[in-house]
């Protein structure tokens, strides 16, 4: 699952441009948040997978990535959610990540917190 997740995060510019060229991208406003927009990409890496990027238009910041994919077969589903935080000086970082092996009934959650200048 880790190896598969690394193909999605960070997002690959060429893969996004390829999906755009094929018409596999939709851009919609986020419900209840006028400054946020969702960029949904279908067939990003594999047939019938998806990746959704939530962006803050005003801050020009990536807020989260949600991925629905699979390992070898579509029946071996994997979901990945990555939330980003922002440090006081503006640096963006991964604040939470959740990997879920759906068919394996396996979930790993990580949380990054308490960043301090060294």
PDB file of N, CA and C in Angstrom:
ATOM      1  N   UNK A   1       0.824  -1.187   0.000  1.00  0.00           N
ATOM      2  CA  UNK A   1       0.000   0.000   0.000  1.00  0.00           C
ATOM      3  C   UNK A   1       0.868   1.251   0.000  1.00  0.00           C
ATOM      4  N   UNK A   2       1.971   1.197   0.725  1.00  0.00           N
ATOM      5  CA  UNK A   2       2.856   2.352   0.772  1.00  0.00           C
ATOM      6  C   UNK A   2       3.412   2.674  -0.610  1.00  0.00           C
ATOM      7  N   UNK A   3       3.837   1.666  -1.326  1.00  0.00           N
ATOM      8  CA  UNK A   3       4.384   1.860  -2.661  1.00  0.00           C
ATOM      9  C   UNK A   3       3.339   2.466  -3.595  1.00  0.00           C
ATOM     10  N   UNK A   4       2.115   1.981  -3.524  1.00  0.00           N
ATOM     11  CA  UNK A   4       1.046   2.522  -4.354  1.00  0.00           C
ATOM     12  C   UNK A   4       0.764   3.975  -3.986  1.00  0.00           C
ATOM     13  N   UNK A   5       0.710   4.267  -2.704  1.00  0.00           N
ATOM     14  CA  UNK A   5       0.437   5.644  -2.247  1.00  0.00           C
ATOM     15  C   UNK A   5       1.488   6.617  -2.769  1.00  0.00           C
ATOM     16  N   UNK A   6       2.725   6.164  -2.878  1.00  0.00           N
ATOM     17  CA  UNK A   6       3.796   7.042  -3.339  1.00  0.00           C
ATOM     18  C   UNK A   6       3.640   7.431  -4.814  1.00  0.00           C
ATOM     19  N   UNK A   7       2.832   6.696  -5.571  1.00  0.00           N
ATOM     20  CA  UNK A   7       2.560   7.062  -6.961  1.00  0.00           C
ATOM     21  C   UNK A   7       1.547   8.202  -7.050  1.00  0.00           C
ATOM     22  N   UNK A   8       0.826   8.448  -5.961  1.00  0.00           N
ATOM     23  CA  UNK A   8      -0.198   9.487  -5.932  1.00  0.00           C
ATOM     24  C   UNK A   8       0.264  10.753  -5.207  1.00  0.00           C
ATOM     25  N   UNK A   9       1.052  10.570  -4.186  1.00  0.00           N
ATOM     26  CA  UNK A   9       1.469  11.705  -3.358  1.00  0.00           C
ATOM     27  C   UNK A   9       2.977  11.816  -3.397  1.00  0.00           C
ATOM     28  N   UNK A  10       3.535  12.923  -3.834  1.00  0.00           N
ATOM     29  CA  UNK A  10       2.825  14.107  -4.311  1.00  0.00           C
ATOM     30  C   UNK A  10       2.251  13.867  -5.707  1.00  0.00           C
ATOM     31  N   UNK A  11       1.198  14.614  -6.058  1.00  0.00           N
ATOM     32  CA  UNK A  11       0.600  14.474  -7.388  1.00  0.00           C
ATOM     33  C   UNK A  11       1.631  14.759  -8.487  1.00  0.00           C
ATOM     34  N   UNK A  12       1.512  14.027  -9.584  1.00  0.00           N
ATOM     35  CA  UNK A  12       2.440  14.156 -10.698  1.00  0.00           C
ATOM     36  C   UNK A  12       1.856  15.089 -11.761  1.00  0.00           C
ATOM     37  N   UNK A  13       2.585  16.118 -12.095  1.00  0.00           N
ATOM     38  CA  UNK A  13       2.119  17.124 -13.056  1.00  0.00           C
ATOM     39  C   UNK A  13       1.769  16.480 -14.407  1.00  0.00           C
ATOM     40  N   UNK A  14       2.618  15.604 -14.899  1.00  0.00           N
ATOM     41  CA  UNK A  14       2.366  14.970 -16.196  1.00  0.00           C
ATOM     42  C   UNK A  14       1.096  14.116 -16.170  1.00  0.00           C
ATOM     43  N   UNK A  15       0.864  13.420 -15.070  1.00  0.00           N
ATOM     44  CA  UNK A  15      -0.342  12.592 -14.954  1.00  0.00           C
ATOM     45  C   UNK A  15      -1.592  13.475 -14.911  1.00  0.00           C
ATOM     46  N   UNK A  16      -1.512  14.604 -14.234  1.00  0.00           N
ATOM     47  CA  UNK A  16      -2.646  15.532 -14.184  1.00  0.00           C
ATOM     48  C   UNK A  16      -2.902  16.114 -15.571  1.00  0.00           C
ATOM     49  N   UNK A  17      -1.853  16.512 -16.256  1.00  0.00           N
ATOM     50  CA  UNK A  17      -2.012  17.057 -17.605  1.00  0.00           C
ATOM     51  C   UNK A  17      -2.575  16.001 -18.561  1.00  0.00           C
ATOM     52  N   UNK A  18      -2.145  14.747 -18.402  1.00  0.00           N
ATOM     53  CA  UNK A  18      -2.673  13.658 -19.222  1.00  0.00           C
ATOM     54  C   UNK A  18      -4.150  13.430 -18.966  1.00  0.00           C
ATOM     55  N   UNK A  19      -4.552  13.464 -17.704  1.00  0.00           N
ATOM     56  CA  UNK A  19      -5.970  13.304 -17.361  1.00  0.00           C
ATOM     57  C   UNK A  19      -6.792  14.466 -17.916  1.00  0.00           C
ATOM     58  N   UNK A  20      -6.234  15.655 -17.858  1.00  0.00           N
ATOM     59  CA  UNK A  20      -6.926  16.829 -18.402  1.00  0.00           C
ATOM     60  C   UNK A  20      -7.127  16.672 -19.915  1.00  0.00           C
ATOM     61  N   UNK A  21      -6.087  16.222 -20.606  1.00  0.00           N
ATOM     62  CA  UNK A  21      -6.162  16.036 -22.056  1.00  0.00           C
ATOM     63  C   UNK A  21      -7.223  14.997 -22.440  1.00  0.00           C
ATOM     64  N   UNK A  22      -7.438  13.991 -21.575  1.00  0.00           N
ATOM     65  CA  UNK A  22      -8.430  12.945 -21.839  1.00  0.00           C
ATOM     66  C   UNK A  22      -9.827  13.338 -21.351  1.00  0.00           C
ATOM     67  N   UNK A  23      -9.949  14.482 -20.690  1.00  0.00           N
ATOM     68  CA  UNK A  23     -11.252  14.907 -20.167  1.00  0.00           C
ATOM     69  C   UNK A  23     -11.637  14.210 -18.881  1.00  0.00           C
ATOM     70  N   UNK A  24     -10.657  13.717 -18.126  1.00  0.00           N
ATOM     71  CA  UNK A  24     -10.923  12.983 -16.887  1.00  0.00           C
ATOM     72  C   UNK A  24     -10.835  13.857 -15.636  1.00  0.00           C
ATOM     73  N   UNK A  25     -10.925  15.168 -15.800  1.00  0.00           N
ATOM     74  CA  UNK A  25     -10.850  16.083 -14.657  1.00  0.00           C
ATOM     75  C   UNK A  25     -12.117  16.918 -14.595  1.00  0.00           C
ATOM     76  N   UNK A  26     -12.636  17.078 -13.381  1.00  0.00           N
ATOM     77  CA  UNK A  26     -13.745  18.003 -13.161  1.00  0.00           C
ATOM     78  C   UNK A  26     -13.359  18.941 -12.022  1.00  0.00           C
ATOM     79  N   UNK A  27     -13.782  20.175 -12.148  1.00  0.00           N
ATOM     80  CA  UNK A  27     -13.509  21.188 -11.126  1.00  0.00           C
ATOM     81  C   UNK A  27     -14.848  21.707 -10.643  1.00  0.00           C
ATOM     82  N   UNK A  28     -15.071  21.608  -9.323  1.00  0.00           N
ATOM     83  CA  UNK A  28     -16.330  22.057  -8.738  1.00  0.00           C
ATOM     84  C   UNK A  28     -16.067  22.832  -7.456  1.00  0.00           C
ATOM     85  N   UNK A  29     -16.947  23.787  -7.133  1.00  0.00           N
ATOM     86  CA  UNK A  29     -16.808  24.471  -5.848  1.00  0.00           C
ATOM     87  C   UNK A  29     -17.085  23.490  -4.714  1.00  0.00           C
ATOM     88  N   UNK A  30     -16.443  23.732  -3.592  1.00  0.00           N
ATOM     89  CA  UNK A  30     -16.673  22.892  -2.419  1.00  0.00           C
ATOM     90  C   UNK A  30     -17.910  23.411  -1.686  1.00  0.00           C
ATOM     91  N   UNK A  31     -18.817  22.520  -1.340  1.00  0.00           N
ATOM     92  CA  UNK A  31     -20.055  22.908  -0.668  1.00  0.00           C
ATOM     93  C   UNK A  31     -19.758  23.591   0.662  1.00  0.00           C
ATOM     94  N   UNK A  32     -20.333  24.747   0.871  1.00  0.00           N
ATOM     95  CA  UNK A  32     -20.201  25.449   2.148  1.00  0.00           C
ATOM     96  C   UNK A  32     -18.904  26.203   2.347  1.00  0.00           C
ATOM     97  N   UNK A  33     -18.015  26.194   1.374  1.00  0.00           N
ATOM     98  CA  UNK A  33     -16.735  26.897   1.501  1.00  0.00           C
ATOM     99  C   UNK A  33     -16.450  27.611   0.170  1.00  0.00           C
ATOM    100  N   UNK A  34     -16.866  28.864   0.042  1.00  0.00           N
ATOM    101  CA  UNK A  34     -16.748  29.561  -1.244  1.00  0.00           C
ATOM    102  C   UNK A  34     -15.319  29.752  -1.734  1.00  0.00           C
ATOM    103  N   UNK A  35     -14.349  29.702  -0.849  1.00  0.00           N
ATOM    104  CA  UNK A  35     -12.954  29.878  -1.266  1.00  0.00           C
ATOM    105  C   UNK A  35     -12.262  28.555  -1.613  1.00  0.00           C
ATOM    106  N   UNK A  36     -13.005  27.444  -1.539  1.00  0.00           N
ATOM    107  CA  UNK A  36     -12.404  26.145  -1.819  1.00  0.00           C
ATOM    108  C   UNK A  36     -12.956  25.551  -3.115  1.00  0.00           C
ATOM    109  N   UNK A  37     -12.104  24.795  -3.786  1.00  0.00           N
ATOM    110  CA  UNK A  37     -12.491  24.137  -5.027  1.00  0.00           C
ATOM    111  C   UNK A  37     -11.973  22.699  -5.014  1.00  0.00           C
ATOM    112  N   UNK A  38     -12.777  21.790  -5.589  1.00  0.00           N
ATOM    113  CA  UNK A  38     -12.380  20.380  -5.701  1.00  0.00           C
ATOM    114  C   UNK A  38     -11.959  20.089  -7.129  1.00  0.00           C
ATOM    115  N   UNK A  39     -10.820  19.478  -7.245  1.00  0.00           N
ATOM    116  CA  UNK A  39     -10.301  19.021  -8.528  1.00  0.00           C
ATOM    117  C   UNK A  39     -10.357  17.497  -8.485  1.00  0.00           C
ATOM    118  N   UNK A  40     -11.326  16.904  -9.191  1.00  0.00           N
ATOM    119  CA  UNK A  40     -11.518  15.455  -9.172  1.00  0.00           C
ATOM    120  C   UNK A  40     -10.942  14.856 -10.451  1.00  0.00           C
ATOM    121  N   UNK A  41     -10.070  13.871 -10.297  1.00  0.00           N
ATOM    122  CA  UNK A  41      -9.394  13.241 -11.426  1.00  0.00           C
ATOM    123  C   UNK A  41      -9.760  11.762 -11.442  1.00  0.00           C
ATOM    124  N   UNK A  42     -10.304  11.312 -12.552  1.00  0.00           N
ATOM    125  CA  UNK A  42     -10.644   9.904 -12.743  1.00  0.00           C
ATOM    126  C   UNK A  42      -9.542   9.245 -13.571  1.00  0.00           C
ATOM    127  N   UNK A  43      -9.317   7.969 -13.348  1.00  0.00           N
ATOM    128  CA  UNK A  43      -8.331   7.200 -14.127  1.00  0.00           C
ATOM    129  C   UNK A  43      -6.951   7.854 -14.065  1.00  0.00           C
ATOM    130  N   UNK A  44      -6.563   8.296 -12.886  1.00  0.00           N
ATOM    131  CA  UNK A  44      -5.297   9.015 -12.711  1.00  0.00           C
ATOM    132  C   UNK A  44      -4.092   8.112 -12.971  1.00  0.00           C
ATOM    133  N   UNK A  45      -4.056   6.986 -12.279  1.00  0.00           N
ATOM    134  CA  UNK A  45      -2.941   6.046 -12.418  1.00  0.00           C
ATOM    135  C   UNK A  45      -3.401   4.707 -12.989  1.00  0.00           C
ATOM    136  N   UNK A  46      -4.593   4.289 -12.574  1.00  0.00           N
ATOM    137  CA  UNK A  46      -5.158   3.004 -12.980  1.00  0.00           C
ATOM    138  C   UNK A  46      -6.584   3.223 -13.479  1.00  0.00           C
ATOM    139  N   UNK A  47      -7.088   2.305 -14.294  1.00  0.00           N
ATOM    140  CA  UNK A  47      -8.484   2.425 -14.713  1.00  0.00           C
ATOM    141  C   UNK A  47      -9.423   2.435 -13.504  1.00  0.00           C
ATOM    142  N   UNK A  48     -10.351   3.362 -13.502  1.00  0.00           N
ATOM    143  CA  UNK A  48     -11.398   3.498 -12.476  1.00  0.00           C
ATOM    144  C   UNK A  48     -10.892   3.925 -11.100  1.00  0.00           C
ATOM    145  N   UNK A  49      -9.669   4.416 -10.989  1.00  0.00           N
ATOM    146  CA  UNK A  49      -9.244   4.998  -9.718  1.00  0.00           C
ATOM    147  C   UNK A  49      -9.652   6.467  -9.715  1.00  0.00           C
ATOM    148  N   UNK A  50      -9.479   7.134  -8.585  1.00  0.00           N
ATOM    149  CA  UNK A  50      -9.786   8.560  -8.524  1.00  0.00           C
ATOM    150  C   UNK A  50      -8.895   9.244  -7.503  1.00  0.00           C
ATOM    151  N   UNK A  51      -8.657  10.518  -7.773  1.00  0.00           N
ATOM    152  CA  UNK A  51      -7.917  11.359  -6.837  1.00  0.00           C
ATOM    153  C   UNK A  51      -8.633  12.705  -6.806  1.00  0.00           C
ATOM    154  N   UNK A  52      -8.936  13.170  -5.602  1.00  0.00           N
ATOM    155  CA  UNK A  52      -9.598  14.452  -5.439  1.00  0.00           C
ATOM    156  C   UNK A  52      -8.701  15.363  -4.615  1.00  0.00           C
ATOM    157  N   UNK A  53      -8.395  16.518  -5.191  1.00  0.00           N
ATOM    158  CA  UNK A  53      -7.589  17.529  -4.507  1.00  0.00           C
ATOM    159  C   UNK A  53      -8.525  18.632  -4.045  1.00  0.00           C
ATOM    160  N   UNK A  54      -8.428  19.016  -2.787  1.00  0.00           N
ATOM    161  CA  UNK A  54      -9.193  20.137  -2.252  1.00  0.00           C
ATOM    162  C   UNK A  54      -8.228  21.302  -2.103  1.00  0.00           C
ATOM    163  N   UNK A  55      -8.542  22.415  -2.764  1.00  0.00           N
ATOM    164  CA  UNK A  55      -7.644  23.563  -2.806  1.00  0.00           C
ATOM    165  C   UNK A  55      -8.312  24.800  -2.232  1.00  0.00           C
ATOM    166  N   UNK A  56      -7.535  25.615  -1.538  1.00  0.00           N
ATOM    167  CA  UNK A  56      -7.976  26.930  -1.080  1.00  0.00           C
ATOM    168  C   UNK A  56      -7.541  27.932  -2.145  1.00  0.00           C
ATOM    169  N   UNK A  57      -8.510  28.523  -2.852  1.00  0.00           N
ATOM    170  CA  UNK A  57      -8.199  29.438  -3.947  1.00  0.00           C
ATOM    171  C   UNK A  57      -7.520  30.708  -3.455  1.00  0.00           C
ATOM    172  N   UNK A  58      -7.971  31.238  -2.322  1.00  0.00           N
ATOM    173  CA  UNK A  58      -7.419  32.492  -1.811  1.00  0.00           C
ATOM    174  C   UNK A  58      -5.979  32.336  -1.340  1.00  0.00           C
ATOM    175  N   UNK A  59      -5.709  31.266  -0.596  1.00  0.00           N
ATOM    176  CA  UNK A  59      -4.374  31.022  -0.050  1.00  0.00           C
ATOM    177  C   UNK A  59      -3.463  30.293  -1.034  1.00  0.00           C
ATOM    178  N   UNK A  60      -4.071  29.812  -2.143  1.00  0.00           N
ATOM    179  CA  UNK A  60      -3.323  29.007  -3.134  1.00  0.00           C
ATOM    180  C   UNK A  60      -2.603  27.850  -2.436  1.00  0.00           C
ATOM    181  N   UNK A  61      -3.402  27.110  -1.658  1.00  0.00           N
ATOM    182  CA  UNK A  61      -2.858  26.046  -0.828  1.00  0.00           C
ATOM    183  C   UNK A  61      -3.647  24.760  -1.024  1.00  0.00           C
ATOM    184  N   UNK A  62      -2.933  23.644  -1.073  1.00  0.00           N
ATOM    185  CA  UNK A  62      -3.539  22.323  -1.105  1.00  0.00           C
ATOM    186  C   UNK A  62      -3.981  21.973   0.310  1.00  0.00           C
ATOM    187  N   UNK A  63      -5.272  21.658   0.476  1.00  0.00           N
ATOM    188  CA  UNK A  63      -5.819  21.343   1.802  1.00  0.00           C
ATOM    189  C   UNK A  63      -5.875  19.846   2.063  1.00  0.00           C
ATOM    190  N   UNK A  64      -6.231  19.067   1.036  1.00  0.00           N
ATOM    191  CA  UNK A  64      -6.305  17.613   1.231  1.00  0.00           C
ATOM    192  C   UNK A  64      -6.265  16.893  -0.112  1.00  0.00           C
ATOM    193  N   UNK A  65      -5.908  15.616  -0.024  1.00  0.00           N
ATOM    194  CA  UNK A  65      -5.931  14.714  -1.170  1.00  0.00           C
ATOM    195  C   UNK A  65      -6.676  13.462  -0.729  1.00  0.00           C
ATOM    196  N   UNK A  66      -7.628  13.031  -1.549  1.00  0.00           N
ATOM    197  CA  UNK A  66      -8.343  11.778  -1.285  1.00  0.00           C
ATOM    198  C   UNK A  66      -8.180  10.886  -2.510  1.00  0.00           C
ATOM    199  N   UNK A  67      -7.759   9.666  -2.252  1.00  0.00           N
ATOM    200  CA  UNK A  67      -7.483   8.728  -3.322  1.00  0.00           C
ATOM    201  C   UNK A  67      -8.282   7.453  -3.097  1.00  0.00           C
ATOM    202  N   UNK A  68      -8.898   6.974  -4.160  1.00  0.00           N
ATOM    203  CA  UNK A  68      -9.561   5.669  -4.149  1.00  0.00           C
ATOM    204  C   UNK A  68      -8.908   4.865  -5.267  1.00  0.00           C
ATOM    205  N   UNK A  69      -8.200   3.812  -4.908  1.00  0.00           N
ATOM    206  CA  UNK A  69      -7.473   3.015  -5.886  1.00  0.00           C
ATOM    207  C   UNK A  69      -7.534   1.555  -5.461  1.00  0.00           C
ATOM    208  N   UNK A  70      -6.632   0.765  -6.020  1.00  0.00           N
ATOM    209  CA  UNK A  70      -6.576  -0.655  -5.676  1.00  0.00           C
ATOM    210  C   UNK A  70      -5.172  -1.171  -5.919  1.00  0.00           C
ATOM    211  N   UNK A  71      -4.860  -2.281  -5.269  1.00  0.00           N
ATOM    212  CA  UNK A  71      -3.535  -2.872  -5.410  1.00  0.00           C
ATOM    213  C   UNK A  71      -3.441  -3.582  -6.760  1.00  0.00           C
ATOM    214  N   UNK A  72      -3.586  -4.882  -6.824  1.00  0.00           N
ATOM    215  CA  UNK A  72      -3.470  -5.598  -8.097  1.00  0.00           C
ATOM    216  C   UNK A  72      -4.801  -5.710  -8.829  1.00  0.00           C
ATOM    217  N   UNK A  73      -5.868  -5.901  -8.100  1.00  0.00           N
ATOM    218  CA  UNK A  73      -7.200  -6.079  -8.671  1.00  0.00           C
ATOM    219  C   UNK A  73      -8.149  -5.054  -8.056  1.00  0.00           C
ATOM    220  N   UNK A  74      -9.170  -4.615  -8.799  1.00  0.00           N
ATOM    221  CA  UNK A  74     -10.137  -3.663  -8.236  1.00  0.00           C
ATOM    222  C   UNK A  74     -10.803  -4.145  -6.954  1.00  0.00           C
ATOM    223  N   UNK A  75     -10.873  -5.449  -6.753  1.00  0.00           N
ATOM    224  CA  UNK A  75     -11.463  -5.979  -5.520  1.00  0.00           C
ATOM    225  C   UNK A  75     -10.557  -5.756  -4.308  1.00  0.00           C
ATOM    226  N   UNK A  76      -9.296  -5.408  -4.533  1.00  0.00           N
ATOM    227  CA  UNK A  76      -8.331  -5.159  -3.458  1.00  0.00           C
ATOM    228  C   UNK A  76      -8.174  -3.646  -3.279  1.00  0.00           C
ATOM    229  N   UNK A  77      -9.264  -2.999  -2.871  1.00  0.00           N
ATOM    230  CA  UNK A  77      -9.351  -1.541  -2.805  1.00  0.00           C
ATOM    231  C   UNK A  77      -8.484  -0.944  -1.701  1.00  0.00           C
ATOM    232  N   UNK A  78      -8.014   0.257  -1.987  1.00  0.00           N
ATOM    233  CA  UNK A  78      -7.242   1.036  -1.023  1.00  0.00           C
ATOM    234  C   UNK A  78      -7.716   2.481  -1.090  1.00  0.00           C
ATOM    235  N   UNK A  79      -7.921   3.091   0.064  1.00  0.00           N
ATOM    236  CA  UNK A  79      -8.251   4.506   0.153  1.00  0.00           C
ATOM    237  C   UNK A  79      -7.137   5.204   0.912  1.00  0.00           C
ATOM    238  N   UNK A  80      -6.824   6.399   0.469  1.00  0.00           N
ATOM    239  CA  UNK A  80      -5.799   7.202   1.126  1.00  0.00           C
ATOM    240  C   UNK A  80      -6.336   8.608   1.266  1.00  0.00           C
ATOM    241  N   UNK A  81      -6.252   9.163   2.471  1.00  0.00           N
ATOM    242  CA  UNK A  81      -6.632  10.538   2.718  1.00  0.00           C
ATOM    243  C   UNK A  81      -5.451  11.245   3.367  1.00  0.00           C
ATOM    244  N   UNK A  82      -5.064  12.379   2.799  1.00  0.00           N
ATOM    245  CA  UNK A  82      -3.959  13.177   3.334  1.00  0.00           C
ATOM    246  C   UNK A  82      -4.475  14.589   3.564  1.00  0.00           C
ATOM    247  N   UNK A  83      -4.369  15.068   4.797  1.00  0.00           N
ATOM    248  CA  UNK A  83      -4.752  16.442   5.141  1.00  0.00           C
ATOM    249  C   UNK A  83      -3.497  17.255   5.382  1.00  0.00           C
ATOM    250  N   UNK A  84      -3.524  18.486   4.911  1.00  0.00           N
ATOM    251  CA  UNK A  84      -2.374  19.365   5.052  1.00  0.00           C
ATOM    252  C   UNK A  84      -2.670  20.472   6.043  1.00  0.00           C
ATOM    253  N   UNK A  85      -1.658  20.830   6.829  1.00  0.00           N
ATOM    254  CA  UNK A  85      -1.737  21.936   7.757  1.00  0.00           C
ATOM    255  C   UNK A  85      -0.766  23.012   7.321  1.00  0.00           C
ATOM    256  N   UNK A  86      -0.814  24.111   8.027  1.00  0.00           N
ATOM    257  CA  UNK A  86       0.067  25.229   7.702  1.00  0.00           C
ATOM    258  C   UNK A  86       0.713  25.739   8.977  1.00  0.00           C
ATOM    259  N   UNK A  87       2.033  25.855   8.934  1.00  0.00           N
ATOM    260  CA  UNK A  87       2.770  26.399  10.065  1.00  0.00           C
ATOM    261  C   UNK A  87       2.605  27.919  10.087  1.00  0.00           C
ATOM    262  N   UNK A  88       2.857  28.551  11.234  1.00  0.00           N
ATOM    263  CA  UNK A  88       2.651  30.000  11.341  1.00  0.00           C
ATOM    264  C   UNK A  88       3.365  30.824  10.269  1.00  0.00           C
ATOM    265  N   UNK A  89       4.549  30.397   9.829  1.00  0.00           N
ATOM    266  CA  UNK A  89       5.268  31.174   8.808  1.00  0.00           C
ATOM    267  C   UNK A  89       4.804  30.833   7.402  1.00  0.00           C
ATOM    268  N   UNK A  90       3.840  29.895   7.254  1.00  0.00           N
ATOM    269  CA  UNK A  90       3.251  29.605   5.956  1.00  0.00           C
ATOM    270  C   UNK A  90       3.625  28.279   5.333  1.00  0.00           C
ATOM    271  N   UNK A  91       4.566  27.551   5.909  1.00  0.00           N
ATOM    272  CA  UNK A  91       4.979  26.262   5.351  1.00  0.00           C
ATOM    273  C   UNK A  91       3.836  25.259   5.446  1.00  0.00           C
ATOM    274  N   UNK A  92       3.545  24.593   4.331  1.00  0.00           N
ATOM    275  CA  UNK A  92       2.518  23.567   4.297  1.00  0.00           C
ATOM    276  C   UNK A  92       3.147  22.218   4.643  1.00  0.00           C
ATOM    277  N   UNK A  93       2.412  21.398   5.378  1.00  0.00           N
ATOM    278  CA  UNK A  93       2.924  20.079   5.770  1.00  0.00           C
ATOM    279  C   UNK A  93       1.769  19.097   5.906  1.00  0.00           C
ATOM    280  N   UNK A  94       2.093  17.809   5.835  1.00  0.00           N
ATOM    281  CA  UNK A  94       1.090  16.769   6.059  1.00  0.00           C
ATOM    282  C   UNK A  94       0.756  16.744   7.541  1.00  0.00           C
ATOM    283  N   UNK A  95      -0.512  16.986   7.868  1.00  0.00           N
ATOM    284  CA  UNK A  95      -0.910  16.973   9.275  1.00  0.00           C
ATOM    285  C   UNK A  95      -1.521  15.627   9.673  1.00  0.00           C
ATOM    286  N   UNK A  96      -2.268  15.012   8.777  1.00  0.00           N
ATOM    287  CA  UNK A  96      -2.888  13.709   9.036  1.00  0.00           C
ATOM    288  C   UNK A  96      -2.866  12.884   7.757  1.00  0.00           C
ATOM    289  N   UNK A  97      -2.699  11.597   7.914  1.00  0.00           N
ATOM    290  CA  UNK A  97      -2.783  10.680   6.772  1.00  0.00           C
ATOM    291  C   UNK A  97      -3.460   9.393   7.239  1.00  0.00           C
ATOM    292  N   UNK A  98      -4.363   8.897   6.411  1.00  0.00           N
ATOM    293  CA  UNK A  98      -5.051   7.645   6.706  1.00  0.00           C
ATOM    294  C   UNK A  98      -4.990   6.759   5.479  1.00  0.00           C
ATOM    295  N   UNK A  99      -4.480   5.545   5.650  1.00  0.00           N
ATOM    296  CA  UNK A  99      -4.448   4.542   4.585  1.00  0.00           C
ATOM    297  C   UNK A  99      -5.370   3.418   5.023  1.00  0.00           C
ATOM    298  N   UNK A 100      -6.281   3.060   4.122  1.00  0.00           N
ATOM    299  CA  UNK A 100      -7.246   2.015   4.435  1.00  0.00           C
ATOM    300  C   UNK A 100      -7.187   0.933   3.370  1.00  0.00           C
ATOM    301  N   UNK A 101      -6.846  -0.265   3.782  1.00  0.00           N
ATOM    302  CA  UNK A 101      -6.935  -1.435   2.911  1.00  0.00           C
ATOM    303  C   UNK A 101      -8.326  -2.008   3.086  1.00  0.00           C
ATOM    304  N   UNK A 102      -9.244  -1.649   2.204  1.00  0.00           N
ATOM    305  CA  UNK A 102     -10.663  -1.960   2.383  1.00  0.00           C
ATOM    306  C   UNK A 102     -10.905  -3.455   2.503  1.00  0.00           C
ATOM    307  N   UNK A 103     -10.469  -4.220   1.520  1.00  0.00           N
ATOM    308  CA  UNK A 103     -10.741  -5.658   1.543  1.00  0.00           C
ATOM    309  C   UNK A 103      -9.953  -6.378   2.631  1.00  0.00           C
ATOM    310  N   UNK A 104      -8.842  -5.785   3.044  1.00  0.00           N
ATOM    311  CA  UNK A 104      -8.021  -6.398   4.088  1.00  0.00           C
ATOM    312  C   UNK A 104      -8.464  -5.977   5.488  1.00  0.00           C
ATOM    313  N   UNK A 105      -9.428  -5.043   5.554  1.00  0.00           N
ATOM    314  CA  UNK A 105      -9.920  -4.514   6.823  1.00  0.00           C
ATOM    315  C   UNK A 105      -8.750  -4.040   7.685  1.00  0.00           C
ATOM    316  N   UNK A 106      -7.931  -3.183   7.067  1.00  0.00           N
ATOM    317  CA  UNK A 106      -6.697  -2.711   7.689  1.00  0.00           C
ATOM    318  C   UNK A 106      -6.625  -1.202   7.518  1.00  0.00           C
ATOM    319  N   UNK A 107      -6.439  -0.465   8.623  1.00  0.00           N
ATOM    320  CA  UNK A 107      -6.365   0.994   8.566  1.00  0.00           C
ATOM    321  C   UNK A 107      -5.167   1.475   9.375  1.00  0.00           C
ATOM    322  N   UNK A 108      -4.414   2.411   8.780  1.00  0.00           N
ATOM    323  CA  UNK A 108      -3.290   3.040   9.470  1.00  0.00           C
ATOM    324  C   UNK A 108      -3.518   4.542   9.437  1.00  0.00           C
ATOM    325  N   UNK A 109      -3.481   5.162  10.622  1.00  0.00           N
ATOM    326  CA  UNK A 109      -3.634   6.615  10.729  1.00  0.00           C
ATOM    327  C   UNK A 109      -2.373   7.194  11.343  1.00  0.00           C
ATOM    328  N   UNK A 110      -1.892   8.276  10.747  1.00  0.00           N
ATOM    329  CA  UNK A 110      -0.745   8.983  11.315  1.00  0.00           C
ATOM    330  C   UNK A 110      -1.120  10.437  11.493  1.00  0.00           C
ATOM    331  N   UNK A 111      -0.507  11.050  12.499  1.00  0.00           N
ATOM    332  CA  UNK A 111      -0.776  12.453  12.784  1.00  0.00           C
ATOM    333  C   UNK A 111       0.537  13.143  13.094  1.00  0.00           C
ATOM    334  N   UNK A 112       0.761  14.267  12.447  1.00  0.00           N
ATOM    335  CA  UNK A 112       1.941  15.096  12.719  1.00  0.00           C
ATOM    336  C   UNK A 112       1.467  16.322  13.496  1.00  0.00           C
ATOM    337  N   UNK A 113       2.144  16.616  14.588  1.00  0.00           N
ATOM    338  CA  UNK A 113       1.725  17.776  15.392  1.00  0.00           C
ATOM    339  C   UNK A 113       2.911  18.344  16.150  1.00  0.00           C
ATOM    340  N   UNK A 114       2.685  19.485  16.743  1.00  0.00           N
ATOM    341  CA  UNK A 114       3.645  20.125  17.629  1.00  0.00           C
ATOM    342  C   UNK A 114       4.967  20.452  16.951  1.00  0.00           C
ATOM    343  N   UNK A 115       4.868  20.981  15.713  1.00  0.00           N
ATOM    344  CA  UNK A 115       6.089  21.395  15.029  1.00  0.00           C
ATOM    345  C   UNK A 115       6.665  22.626  15.717  1.00  0.00           C
ATOM    346  N   UNK A 116       7.969  22.637  15.898  1.00  0.00           N
ATOM    347  CA  UNK A 116       8.668  23.790  16.503  1.00  0.00           C
ATOM    348  C   UNK A 116       9.955  24.047  15.747  1.00  0.00           C
ATOM    349  N   UNK A 117      10.327  25.306  15.679  1.00  0.00           N
ATOM    350  CA  UNK A 117      11.572  25.682  15.029  1.00  0.00           C
ATOM    351  C   UNK A 117      12.734  25.165  15.863  1.00  0.00           C
ATOM    352  N   UNK A 118      13.713  24.511  15.226  1.00  0.00           N
ATOM    353  CA  UNK A 118      14.876  23.979  15.938  1.00  0.00           C
ATOM    354  C   UNK A 118      16.002  24.998  15.961  1.00  0.00           C
TER     355      UNK A 118
END
